[in-house]
Each structure stands twice: as C-alpha cells, then as structure tokens.
PDB file of N, CA and C in Angstrom:
ATOM      1  N   UNK A   1      70.813 102.150 135.781  1.00  0.00           N
ATOM      2  CA  UNK A   1      70.482 101.958 134.385  1.00  0.00           C
ATOM      3  C   UNK A   1      71.602 102.494 133.499  1.00  0.00           C
ATOM      4  N   UNK A   2      72.171 103.626 133.855  1.00  0.00           N
ATOM      5  CA  UNK A   2      73.259 104.207 133.077  1.00  0.00           C
ATOM      6  C   UNK A   2      74.458 103.261 133.054  1.00  0.00           C
ATOM      7  N   UNK A   3      74.768 102.651 134.205  1.00  0.00           N
ATOM      8  CA  UNK A   3      75.892 101.718 134.274  1.00  0.00           C
ATOM      9  C   UNK A   3      75.659 100.525 133.347  1.00  0.00           C
ATOM     10  N   UNK A   4      74.462  99.972 133.367  1.00  0.00           N
ATOM     11  CA  UNK A   4      74.122  98.831 132.521  1.00  0.00           C
ATOM     12  C   UNK A   4      74.246  99.207 131.047  1.00  0.00           C
ATOM     13  N   UNK A   5      73.760 100.381 130.683  1.00  0.00           N
ATOM     14  CA  UNK A   5      73.865 100.849 129.303  1.00  0.00           C
ATOM     15  C   UNK A   5      75.330 100.989 128.905  1.00  0.00           C
ATOM     16  N   UNK A   6      76.148 101.548 129.804  1.00  0.00           N
ATOM     17  CA  UNK A   6      77.576 101.702 129.531  1.00  0.00           C
ATOM     18  C   UNK A   6      78.241 100.341 129.339  1.00  0.00           C
ATOM     19  N   UNK A   7      77.924  99.380 130.205  1.00  0.00           N
ATOM     20  CA  UNK A   7      78.513  98.037 130.106  1.00  0.00           C
ATOM     21  C   UNK A   7      78.118  97.362 128.799  1.00  0.00           C
ATOM     22  N   UNK A   8      76.864  97.475 128.426  1.00  0.00           N
ATOM     23  CA  UNK A   8      76.406  96.888 127.165  1.00  0.00           C
ATOM     24  C   UNK A   8      77.106  97.569 126.003  1.00  0.00           C
ATOM     25  N   UNK A   9      77.213  98.884 126.062  1.00  0.00           N
ATOM     26  CA  UNK A   9      77.881  99.628 124.999  1.00  0.00           C
ATOM     27  C   UNK A   9      79.341  99.198 124.868  1.00  0.00           C
ATOM     28  N   UNK A  10      80.041  99.051 125.987  1.00  0.00           N
ATOM     29  CA  UNK A  10      81.446  98.624 125.954  1.00  0.00           C
ATOM     30  C   UNK A  10      81.564  97.215 125.395  1.00  0.00           C
ATOM     31  N   UNK A  11      80.649  96.338 125.786  1.00  0.00           N
ATOM     32  CA  UNK A  11      80.678  94.964 125.292  1.00  0.00           C
ATOM     33  C   UNK A  11      80.467  94.934 123.782  1.00  0.00           C
ATOM     34  N   UNK A  12      79.525  95.705 123.292  1.00  0.00           N
ATOM     35  CA  UNK A  12      79.251  95.757 121.855  1.00  0.00           C
ATOM     36  C   UNK A  12      80.454  96.318 121.118  1.00  0.00           C
ATOM     37  N   UNK A  13      81.071  97.373 121.650  1.00  0.00           N
ATOM     38  CA  UNK A  13      82.249  97.955 121.000  1.00  0.00           C
ATOM     39  C   UNK A  13      83.387  96.949 120.923  1.00  0.00           C
ATOM     40  N   UNK A  14      83.651  96.220 122.011  1.00  0.00           N
ATOM     41  CA  UNK A  14      84.743  95.247 121.971  1.00  0.00           C
ATOM     42  C   UNK A  14      84.395  94.098 121.032  1.00  0.00           C
ATOM     43  N   UNK A  15      83.132  93.725 120.951  1.00  0.00           N
ATOM     44  CA  UNK A  15      82.693  92.691 120.021  1.00  0.00           C
ATOM     45  C   UNK A  15      82.885  93.158 118.585  1.00  0.00           C
ATOM     46  N   UNK A  16      82.519  94.395 118.313  1.00  0.00           N
ATOM     47  CA  UNK A  16      82.590  94.916 116.956  1.00  0.00           C
ATOM     48  C   UNK A  16      84.017  95.183 116.493  1.00  0.00           C
ATOM     49  N   UNK A  17      84.976  95.261 117.414  1.00  0.00           N
ATOM     50  CA  UNK A  17      86.370  95.435 117.008  1.00  0.00           C
ATOM     51  C   UNK A  17      86.835  94.273 116.139  1.00  0.00           C
ATOM     52  N   UNK A  18      86.198  93.122 116.283  1.00  0.00           N
ATOM     53  CA  UNK A  18      86.572  91.944 115.510  1.00  0.00           C
ATOM     54  C   UNK A  18      85.895  91.901 114.148  1.00  0.00           C
ATOM     55  N   UNK A  19      85.077  92.905 113.847  1.00  0.00           N
ATOM     56  CA  UNK A  19      84.309  92.903 112.611  1.00  0.00           C
ATOM     57  C   UNK A  19      84.476  94.218 111.866  1.00  0.00           C
ATOM     58  N   UNK A  20      84.162  94.181 110.584  1.00  0.00           N
ATOM     59  CA  UNK A  20      84.053  95.400 109.797  1.00  0.00           C
ATOM     60  C   UNK A  20      82.813  95.240 108.936  1.00  0.00           C
ATOM     61  N   UNK A  21      82.300  96.327 108.419  1.00  0.00           N
ATOM     62  CA  UNK A  21      81.087  96.236 107.616  1.00  0.00           C
ATOM     63  C   UNK A  21      81.426  96.177 106.139  1.00  0.00           C
ATOM     64  N   UNK A  22      80.698  95.340 105.453  1.00  0.00           N
ATOM     65  CA  UNK A  22      80.783  95.227 104.002  1.00  0.00           C
ATOM     66  C   UNK A  22      79.355  95.386 103.507  1.00  0.00           C
ATOM     67  N   UNK A  23      79.019  96.601 103.095  1.00  0.00           N
ATOM     68  CA  UNK A  23      77.618  96.878 102.755  1.00  0.00           C
ATOM     69  C   UNK A  23      76.803  96.832 104.028  1.00  0.00           C
ATOM     70  N   UNK A  24      75.810  95.960 104.061  1.00  0.00           N
ATOM     71  CA  UNK A  24      74.982  95.829 105.265  1.00  0.00           C
ATOM     72  C   UNK A  24      75.329  94.562 106.040  1.00  0.00           C
ATOM     73  N   UNK A  25      76.496  93.987 105.756  1.00  0.00           N
ATOM     74  CA  UNK A  25      76.903  92.724 106.359  1.00  0.00           C
ATOM     75  C   UNK A  25      78.139  92.937 107.235  1.00  0.00           C
ATOM     76  N   UNK A  26      78.099  92.400 108.452  1.00  0.00           N
ATOM     77  CA  UNK A  26      79.282  92.428 109.312  1.00  0.00           C
ATOM     78  C   UNK A  26      80.173  91.256 108.941  1.00  0.00           C
ATOM     79  N   UNK A  27      81.435  91.536 108.675  1.00  0.00           N
ATOM     80  CA  UNK A  27      82.379  90.474 108.337  1.00  0.00           C
ATOM     81  C   UNK A  27      83.490  90.437 109.371  1.00  0.00           C
ATOM     82  N   UNK A  28      83.997  89.246 109.590  1.00  0.00           N
ATOM     83  CA  UNK A  28      85.061  89.026 110.549  1.00  0.00           C
ATOM     84  C   UNK A  28      86.353  89.687 110.074  1.00  0.00           C
ATOM     85  N   UNK A  29      87.009  90.418 110.945  1.00  0.00           N
ATOM     86  CA  UNK A  29      88.347  90.932 110.651  1.00  0.00           C
ATOM     87  C   UNK A  29      89.344  89.786 110.764  1.00  0.00           C
ATOM     88  N   UNK A  30      90.392  89.867 110.011  1.00  0.00           N
ATOM     89  CA  UNK A  30      91.461  88.878 110.123  1.00  0.00           C
ATOM     90  C   UNK A  30      92.210  89.169 111.418  1.00  0.00           C
ATOM     91  N   UNK A  31      92.395  88.160 112.273  1.00  0.00           N
ATOM     92  CA  UNK A  31      93.157  88.404 113.504  1.00  0.00           C
ATOM     93  C   UNK A  31      94.533  88.979 113.162  1.00  0.00           C
ATOM     94  N   UNK A  32      95.007  89.968 113.933  1.00  0.00           N
ATOM     95  CA  UNK A  32      96.263  90.657 113.602  1.00  0.00           C
ATOM     96  C   UNK A  32      97.456  89.728 113.376  1.00  0.00           C
ATOM     97  N   UNK A  33      97.628  88.720 114.211  1.00  0.00           N
ATOM     98  CA  UNK A  33      98.780  87.818 114.048  1.00  0.00           C
ATOM     99  C   UNK A  33      98.686  87.049 112.731  1.00  0.00           C
ATOM    100  N   UNK A  34      97.487  86.598 112.389  1.00  0.00           N
ATOM    101  CA  UNK A  34      97.295  85.876 111.132  1.00  0.00           C
ATOM    102  C   UNK A  34      97.507  86.801 109.941  1.00  0.00           C
ATOM    103  N   UNK A  35      97.003  88.020 110.041  1.00  0.00           N
ATOM    104  CA  UNK A  35      97.180  88.972 108.937  1.00  0.00           C
ATOM    105  C   UNK A  35      98.668  89.262 108.702  1.00  0.00           C
ATOM    106  N   UNK A  36      99.413  89.466 109.776  1.00  0.00           N
ATOM    107  CA  UNK A  36     100.852  89.719 109.657  1.00  0.00           C
ATOM    108  C   UNK A  36     101.552  88.531 109.010  1.00  0.00           C
ATOM    109  N   UNK A  37     101.219  87.340 109.466  1.00  0.00           N
ATOM    110  CA  UNK A  37     101.816  86.127 108.907  1.00  0.00           C
ATOM    111  C   UNK A  37     101.449  85.982 107.426  1.00  0.00           C
ATOM    112  N   UNK A  38     100.196  86.257 107.078  1.00  0.00           N
ATOM    113  CA  UNK A  38      99.740  86.136 105.694  1.00  0.00           C
ATOM    114  C   UNK A  38     100.429  87.172 104.808  1.00  0.00           C
ATOM    115  N   UNK A  39     100.541  88.402 105.278  1.00  0.00           N
ATOM    116  CA  UNK A  39     101.213  89.451 104.502  1.00  0.00           C
ATOM    117  C   UNK A  39     102.690  89.118 104.293  1.00  0.00           C
ATOM    118  N   UNK A  40     103.332  88.537 105.293  1.00  0.00           N
ATOM    119  CA  UNK A  40     104.722  88.101 105.150  1.00  0.00           C
ATOM    120  C   UNK A  40     104.819  87.017 104.086  1.00  0.00           C
ATOM    121  N   UNK A  41     103.892  86.091 104.118  1.00  0.00           N
ATOM    122  CA  UNK A  41     103.859  85.027 103.118  1.00  0.00           C
ATOM    123  C   UNK A  41     103.677  85.611 101.716  1.00  0.00           C
ATOM    124  N   UNK A  42     102.790  86.582 101.574  1.00  0.00           N
ATOM    125  CA  UNK A  42     102.573  87.216 100.270  1.00  0.00           C
ATOM    126  C   UNK A  42     103.853  87.874  99.758  1.00  0.00           C
ATOM    127  N   UNK A  43     104.566  88.550 100.652  1.00  0.00           N
ATOM    128  CA  UNK A  43     105.808  89.224 100.256  1.00  0.00           C
ATOM    129  C   UNK A  43     106.895  88.226  99.858  1.00  0.00           C
ATOM    130  N   UNK A  44     106.883  87.056 100.486  1.00  0.00           N
ATOM    131  CA  UNK A  44     107.937  86.065 100.255  1.00  0.00           C
ATOM    132  C   UNK A  44     107.621  85.091  99.121  1.00  0.00           C
ATOM    133  N   UNK A  45     106.481  85.244  98.494  1.00  0.00           N
ATOM    134  CA  UNK A  45     106.123  84.382  97.366  1.00  0.00           C
ATOM    135  C   UNK A  45     106.086  85.227  96.101  1.00  0.00           C
ATOM    136  N   UNK A  46     105.746  84.596  95.024  1.00  0.00           N
ATOM    137  CA  UNK A  46     105.738  85.290  93.728  1.00  0.00           C
ATOM    138  C   UNK A  46     104.413  85.997  93.455  1.00  0.00           C
ATOM    139  N   UNK A  47     103.668  86.325  94.495  1.00  0.00           N
ATOM    140  CA  UNK A  47     102.397  87.025  94.321  1.00  0.00           C
ATOM    141  C   UNK A  47     102.710  88.488  94.016  1.00  0.00           C
ATOM    142  N   UNK A  48     102.244  89.007  92.871  1.00  0.00           N
ATOM    143  CA  UNK A  48     102.500  90.420  92.547  1.00  0.00           C
ATOM    144  C   UNK A  48     101.900  91.339  93.612  1.00  0.00           C
ATOM    145  N   UNK A  49     102.611  92.401  93.909  1.00  0.00           N
ATOM    146  CA  UNK A  49     102.169  93.340  94.948  1.00  0.00           C
ATOM    147  C   UNK A  49     100.764  93.870  94.680  1.00  0.00           C
ATOM    148  N   UNK A  50     100.428  94.108  93.406  1.00  0.00           N
ATOM    149  CA  UNK A  50      99.101  94.645  93.098  1.00  0.00           C
ATOM    150  C   UNK A  50      97.974  93.644  93.402  1.00  0.00           C
ATOM    151  N   UNK A  51      98.306  92.372  93.617  1.00  0.00           N
ATOM    152  CA  UNK A  51      97.294  91.357  93.923  1.00  0.00           C
ATOM    153  C   UNK A  51      97.144  91.110  95.423  1.00  0.00           C
ATOM    154  N   UNK A  52      98.003  91.708  96.247  1.00  0.00           N
ATOM    155  CA  UNK A  52      97.969  91.450  97.688  1.00  0.00           C
ATOM    156  C   UNK A  52      96.616  91.785  98.307  1.00  0.00           C
ATOM    157  N   UNK A  53      96.031  92.904  97.929  1.00  0.00           N
ATOM    158  CA  UNK A  53      94.735  93.293  98.514  1.00  0.00           C
ATOM    159  C   UNK A  53      93.663  92.258  98.190  1.00  0.00           C
ATOM    160  N   UNK A  54      93.673  91.730  96.980  1.00  0.00           N
ATOM    161  CA  UNK A  54      92.689  90.710  96.601  1.00  0.00           C
ATOM    162  C   UNK A  54      92.904  89.433  97.417  1.00  0.00           C
ATOM    163  N   UNK A  55      94.154  89.055  97.618  1.00  0.00           N
ATOM    164  CA  UNK A  55      94.447  87.852  98.402  1.00  0.00           C
ATOM    165  C   UNK A  55      93.985  88.024  99.852  1.00  0.00           C
ATOM    166  N   UNK A  56      94.206  89.196 100.407  1.00  0.00           N
ATOM    167  CA  UNK A  56      93.744  89.473 101.773  1.00  0.00           C
ATOM    168  C   UNK A  56      92.221  89.439 101.819  1.00  0.00           C
ATOM    169  N   UNK A  57      91.576  89.970 100.791  1.00  0.00           N
ATOM    170  CA  UNK A  57      90.108  89.930 100.706  1.00  0.00           C
ATOM    171  C   UNK A  57      89.616  88.486 100.713  1.00  0.00           C
ATOM    172  N   UNK A  58      90.245  87.609  99.920  1.00  0.00           N
ATOM    173  CA  UNK A  58      89.808  86.209  99.872  1.00  0.00           C
ATOM    174  C   UNK A  58      89.982  85.532 101.219  1.00  0.00           C
ATOM    175  N   UNK A  59      91.072  85.837 101.913  1.00  0.00           N
ATOM    176  CA  UNK A  59      91.260  85.257 103.242  1.00  0.00           C
ATOM    177  C   UNK A  59      90.157  85.724 104.176  1.00  0.00           C
ATOM    178  N   UNK A  60      89.828  86.997 104.141  1.00  0.00           N
ATOM    179  CA  UNK A  60      88.762  87.544 104.984  1.00  0.00           C
ATOM    180  C   UNK A  60      87.425  86.877 104.651  1.00  0.00           C
ATOM    181  N   UNK A  61      87.120  86.760 103.368  1.00  0.00           N
ATOM    182  CA  UNK A  61      85.866  86.122 102.949  1.00  0.00           C
ATOM    183  C   UNK A  61      85.820  84.661 103.396  1.00  0.00           C
ATOM    184  N   UNK A  62      86.954  83.979 103.282  1.00  0.00           N
ATOM    185  CA  UNK A  62      87.020  82.575 103.686  1.00  0.00           C
ATOM    186  C   UNK A  62      86.772  82.428 105.188  1.00  0.00           C
ATOM    187  N   UNK A  63      87.428  83.240 105.990  1.00  0.00           N
ATOM    188  CA  UNK A  63      87.229  83.180 107.439  1.00  0.00           C
ATOM    189  C   UNK A  63      85.783  83.486 107.800  1.00  0.00           C
ATOM    190  N   UNK A  64      85.204  84.472 107.130  1.00  0.00           N
ATOM    191  CA  UNK A  64      83.812  84.830 107.368  1.00  0.00           C
ATOM    192  C   UNK A  64      82.892  83.670 106.979  1.00  0.00           C
ATOM    193  N   UNK A  65      83.142  83.076 105.830  1.00  0.00           N
ATOM    194  CA  UNK A  65      82.357  81.932 105.367  1.00  0.00           C
ATOM    195  C   UNK A  65      82.422  80.792 106.381  1.00  0.00           C
ATOM    196  N   UNK A  66      83.629  80.453 106.820  1.00  0.00           N
ATOM    197  CA  UNK A  66      83.803  79.349 107.765  1.00  0.00           C
ATOM    198  C   UNK A  66      83.078  79.601 109.079  1.00  0.00           C
ATOM    199  N   UNK A  67      83.117  80.836 109.543  1.00  0.00           N
ATOM    200  CA  UNK A  67      82.411  81.145 110.782  1.00  0.00           C
ATOM    201  C   UNK A  67      80.905  81.061 110.568  1.00  0.00           C
ATOM    202  N   UNK A  68      80.422  81.636 109.491  1.00  0.00           N
ATOM    203  CA  UNK A  68      78.985  81.682 109.226  1.00  0.00           C
ATOM    204  C   UNK A  68      78.385  80.292 109.039  1.00  0.00           C
ATOM    205  N   UNK A  69      79.109  79.422 108.340  1.00  0.00           N
ATOM    206  CA  UNK A  69      78.578  78.095 108.019  1.00  0.00           C
ATOM    207  C   UNK A  69      79.197  76.976 108.858  1.00  0.00           C
ATOM    208  N   UNK A  70      79.924  77.337 109.888  1.00  0.00           N
ATOM    209  CA  UNK A  70      80.466  76.394 110.872  1.00  0.00           C
ATOM    210  C   UNK A  70      81.413  75.357 110.264  1.00  0.00           C
ATOM    211  N   UNK A  71      82.325  75.845 109.428  1.00  0.00           N
ATOM    212  CA  UNK A  71      83.398  75.003 108.903  1.00  0.00           C
ATOM    213  C   UNK A  71      84.682  75.388 109.621  1.00  0.00           C
ATOM    214  N   UNK A  72      85.514  74.421 109.971  1.00  0.00           N
ATOM    215  CA  UNK A  72      86.795  74.760 110.599  1.00  0.00           C
ATOM    216  C   UNK A  72      87.736  75.382 109.566  1.00  0.00           C
ATOM    217  N   UNK A  73      88.151  76.612 109.794  1.00  0.00           N
ATOM    218  CA  UNK A  73      88.967  77.313 108.802  1.00  0.00           C
ATOM    219  C   UNK A  73      90.363  76.717 108.650  1.00  0.00           C
ATOM    220  N   UNK A  74      90.784  75.931 109.606  1.00  0.00           N
ATOM    221  CA  UNK A  74      92.119  75.341 109.548  1.00  0.00           C
ATOM    222  C   UNK A  74      92.147  74.011 108.802  1.00  0.00           C
ATOM    223  N   UNK A  75      90.991  73.520 108.400  1.00  0.00           N
ATOM    224  CA  UNK A  75      90.915  72.223 107.707  1.00  0.00           C
ATOM    225  C   UNK A  75      90.810  72.417 106.201  1.00  0.00           C
ATOM    226  N   UNK A  76      91.657  71.715 105.455  1.00  0.00           N
ATOM    227  CA  UNK A  76      91.638  71.811 103.992  1.00  0.00           C
ATOM    228  C   UNK A  76      90.288  71.380 103.418  1.00  0.00           C
ATOM    229  N   UNK A  77      89.570  70.546 104.135  1.00  0.00           N
ATOM    230  CA  UNK A  77      88.272  70.061 103.669  1.00  0.00           C
ATOM    231  C   UNK A  77      87.231  71.177 103.593  1.00  0.00           C
ATOM    232  N   UNK A  78      87.493  72.307 104.220  1.00  0.00           N
ATOM    233  CA  UNK A  78      86.553  73.434 104.186  1.00  0.00           C
ATOM    234  C   UNK A  78      86.651  74.215 102.881  1.00  0.00           C
ATOM    235  N   UNK A  79      87.807  74.177 102.238  1.00  0.00           N
ATOM    236  CA  UNK A  79      88.026  74.977 101.029  1.00  0.00           C
ATOM    237  C   UNK A  79      87.053  74.643  99.897  1.00  0.00           C
ATOM    238  N   UNK A  80      86.795  73.362  99.569  1.00  0.00           N
ATOM    239  CA  UNK A  80      85.835  73.089  98.492  1.00  0.00           C
ATOM    240  C   UNK A  80      84.444  73.668  98.759  1.00  0.00           C
ATOM    241  N   UNK A  81      84.036  73.698 100.008  1.00  0.00           N
ATOM    242  CA  UNK A  81      82.733  74.282 100.351  1.00  0.00           C
ATOM    243  C   UNK A  81      82.730  75.785 100.061  1.00  0.00           C
ATOM    244  N   UNK A  82      83.840  76.437 100.402  1.00  0.00           N
ATOM    245  CA  UNK A  82      83.976  77.864 100.126  1.00  0.00           C
ATOM    246  C   UNK A  82      83.963  78.126  98.625  1.00  0.00           C
ATOM    247  N   UNK A  83      84.701  77.326  97.877  1.00  0.00           N
ATOM    248  CA  UNK A  83      84.752  77.507  96.423  1.00  0.00           C
ATOM    249  C   UNK A  83      83.393  77.252  95.782  1.00  0.00           C
ATOM    250  N   UNK A  84      82.656  76.295  96.323  1.00  0.00           N
ATOM    251  CA  UNK A  84      81.299  76.052  95.821  1.00  0.00           C
ATOM    252  C   UNK A  84      80.419  77.280  96.065  1.00  0.00           C
ATOM    253  N   UNK A  85      80.577  77.900  97.217  1.00  0.00           N
ATOM    254  CA  UNK A  85      79.810  79.114  97.527  1.00  0.00           C
ATOM    255  C   UNK A  85      80.180  80.236  96.561  1.00  0.00           C
ATOM    256  N   UNK A  86      81.461  80.365  96.238  1.00  0.00           N
ATOM    257  CA  UNK A  86      81.879  81.383  95.270  1.00  0.00           C
ATOM    258  C   UNK A  86      81.253  81.114  93.905  1.00  0.00           C
ATOM    259  N   UNK A  87      81.176  79.848  93.538  1.00  0.00           N
ATOM    260  CA  UNK A  87      80.548  79.477  92.270  1.00  0.00           C
ATOM    261  C   UNK A  87      79.066  79.853  92.290  1.00  0.00           C
ATOM    262  N   UNK A  88      78.389  79.582  93.407  1.00  0.00           N
ATOM    263  CA  UNK A  88      76.978  79.967  93.553  1.00  0.00           C
ATOM    264  C   UNK A  88      76.805  81.472  93.435  1.00  0.00           C
ATOM    265  N   UNK A  89      77.800  82.220  93.911  1.00  0.00           N
ATOM    266  CA  UNK A  89      77.753  83.685  93.875  1.00  0.00           C
ATOM    267  C   UNK A  89      78.215  84.242  92.530  1.00  0.00           C
ATOM    268  N   UNK A  90      78.403  83.346  91.551  1.00  0.00           N
ATOM    269  CA  UNK A  90      78.760  83.735  90.174  1.00  0.00           C
ATOM    270  C   UNK A  90      80.141  84.380  90.067  1.00  0.00           C
ATOM    271  N   UNK A  91      81.058  83.975  90.949  1.00  0.00           N
ATOM    272  CA  UNK A  91      82.439  84.437  90.818  1.00  0.00           C
ATOM    273  C   UNK A  91      83.062  83.711  89.627  1.00  0.00           C
ATOM    274  N   UNK A  92      83.915  84.381  88.888  1.00  0.00           N
ATOM    275  CA  UNK A  92      84.529  83.789  87.699  1.00  0.00           C
ATOM    276  C   UNK A  92      85.498  82.672  88.099  1.00  0.00           C
ATOM    277  N   UNK A  93      85.862  81.853  87.118  1.00  0.00           N
ATOM    278  CA  UNK A  93      86.855  80.799  87.356  1.00  0.00           C
ATOM    279  C   UNK A  93      88.166  81.407  87.843  1.00  0.00           C
ATOM    280  N   UNK A  94      88.547  82.532  87.245  1.00  0.00           N
ATOM    281  CA  UNK A  94      89.773  83.208  87.666  1.00  0.00           C
ATOM    282  C   UNK A  94      89.714  83.650  89.118  1.00  0.00           C
ATOM    283  N   UNK A  95      88.575  84.183  89.528  1.00  0.00           N
ATOM    284  CA  UNK A  95      88.407  84.608  90.918  1.00  0.00           C
ATOM    285  C   UNK A  95      88.441  83.398  91.851  1.00  0.00           C
ATOM    286  N   UNK A  96      87.787  82.322  91.441  1.00  0.00           N
ATOM    287  CA  UNK A  96      87.787  81.109  92.259  1.00  0.00           C
ATOM    288  C   UNK A  96      89.197  80.544  92.400  1.00  0.00           C
ATOM    289  N   UNK A  97      89.965  80.562  91.310  1.00  0.00           N
ATOM    290  CA  UNK A  97      91.344  80.069  91.358  1.00  0.00           C
ATOM    291  C   UNK A  97      92.210  80.950  92.254  1.00  0.00           C
ATOM    292  N   UNK A  98      92.010  82.264  92.148  1.00  0.00           N
ATOM    293  CA  UNK A  98      92.779  83.179  92.994  1.00  0.00           C
ATOM    294  C   UNK A  98      92.418  82.963  94.464  1.00  0.00           C
ATOM    295  N   UNK A  99      91.128  82.798  94.751  1.00  0.00           N
ATOM    296  CA  UNK A  99      90.687  82.549  96.124  1.00  0.00           C
ATOM    297  C   UNK A  99      91.292  81.251  96.647  1.00  0.00           C
ATOM    298  N   UNK A 100      91.255  80.216  95.833  1.00  0.00           N
ATOM    299  CA  UNK A 100      91.823  78.928  96.230  1.00  0.00           C
ATOM    300  C   UNK A 100      93.317  79.058  96.522  1.00  0.00           C
ATOM    301  N   UNK A 101      94.016  79.771  95.664  1.00  0.00           N
ATOM    302  CA  UNK A 101      95.453  79.966  95.868  1.00  0.00           C
ATOM    303  C   UNK A 101      95.717  80.764  97.143  1.00  0.00           C
ATOM    304  N   UNK A 102      94.930  81.792  97.369  1.00  0.00           N
ATOM    305  CA  UNK A 102      95.109  82.621  98.571  1.00  0.00           C
ATOM    306  C   UNK A 102      94.930  81.787  99.834  1.00  0.00           C
ATOM    307  N   UNK A 103      93.899  80.962  99.865  1.00  0.00           N
ATOM    308  CA  UNK A 103      93.621  80.163 101.060  1.00  0.00           C
ATOM    309  C   UNK A 103      94.660  79.060 101.227  1.00  0.00           C
ATOM    310  N   UNK A 104      95.191  78.575 100.120  1.00  0.00           N
ATOM    311  CA  UNK A 104      96.180  77.490 100.173  1.00  0.00           C
ATOM    312  C   UNK A 104      97.544  77.946 100.671  1.00  0.00           C
ATOM    313  N   UNK A 105      97.776  79.270 100.677  1.00  0.00           N
ATOM    314  CA  UNK A 105      99.067  79.767 101.170  1.00  0.00           C
ATOM    315  C   UNK A 105      99.167  79.469 102.643  1.00  0.00           C
TER     316      UNK A 105
END
C-alpha cells in the first residue's frame, strides 16, 4: 500500500509540474522551450519591457483556454474564440487588443 501511495504521489507531482495555481484554478504552465522563444520574441520587438509580464500572462491564459475548451493553440482560428471569452469575462478593449497582439507574436 505504501508503494502504491508513493507511486500515485509521484505521478501527481509530475503532473502538477505542468500547472500552477491561479486562485482555486489550476492553469497550464507555458512549456519552457515556448516560453524562452516567446521571451526572445518580446525582447526583439517593440514591446516595452514593463509589458512583458502581461504578454506572458496572455499567452498562459490562451494556452489554458485552448486546452480547457479543446481548441488547437497553434491554429489562428482559435484566437477569435479566446477573444470572445475575454469579452464575456468583461476584459476591456485594450486588454483584448493586448491579448490578441501577444498571441499573434
């Protein structure tokens, strides 16, 4: 029984490494290679440094949205669905535009 508990615990820990908590919600972490590539893109574009954290947040939210609602995150056709969800969540036009720009990078 102890071995089974240990195996389940290890499995849960490795599963949770891919997630972080936002309030009471588990959200998908950005895969390290994608995060590095995205941060490089942010540095090489005209995105102000003070906005980088917000852009990373939008990417994380987008990936989480796509996983939760079964949209392919690599398809441009998924973005309007995400933006519609932001509108439902009462995000401002400015926030929606920033999110759209972040995902379009």
